[in-house]
Amino acid sequence: MHGAVTEDDRLLAADYVLGTAPAAERARAETLLRQDAAFAREVEGWQRRLSGLDAEFAPVEPPPELLGRIERRLFGRQARVRARIFGWLAAAGAAAALAAVLLWPAAPPRPIADLAAPGLDVAVLVADGSLIFRTSSPPAPGRGAYQLWVIRAGQPRSLGLLGAAETVVSASLAPGDVLAVSLEPAGGSPTGLPTGPVLATAEIRDL
């Protein structure tokens, strides 16, 4: 085959060089490379244009699931990266920047409060929309359980039971909210509200 390269094949050539083509498309590209001289020249052209990126970054072997993660995060399970390829190339080094964003380490948890009482010490941290309650305190006395609460406008809402070491809860806070821990029966409050003594509270003033 020696015909002109179609727009679809130009996109395929770019995907092939960047390594973002799905497996079926990559196999089609390799077949075209053997059979279509015009497509092979298109691939060579993309290799020349993008070769400068190689000199800026040390080689890293990506995890095998990285491409699937990129596609799902950016475009959903059914979308194809190829449809956006020229948008990526609008910025220098876009392919490497995309991988860097996905692999960039998350911000470490940030402490925002302490819930302390005799025999109980709970550090409260926030990270990526989650609350993290960490404690090294012994279990609740008797057959009781420590239950976590957030109180907003005077209305308590349960955040679940405190675990042995770390409890992670998906919750958002606002300045003025109050975190609390109460002593409840095993399994937690039967009413949805604190029934035992509230052992410690902490008002959230700054997030």
Foldseek 3Di string as FASTA:
>chain_A
DEDAQDPVLLLLLLCLLLVLFPPVSVVVLVVCCVPYPNSVVSNVVNCVVQVVLPVVDDDDDDDPCVSCVLCCVPPRNPDGPSVCSVVQVVDPPSSVVSSCVVPPDFDDWAWQDWWDFVQWIWTWTDGDQKIKTFTQGDADPDQKFKWKWKADPNDTATQGTDDNGMDIGRHDDDQFIKMWIFIGGHPDDPPRDHDGDTGGMDGGHDD
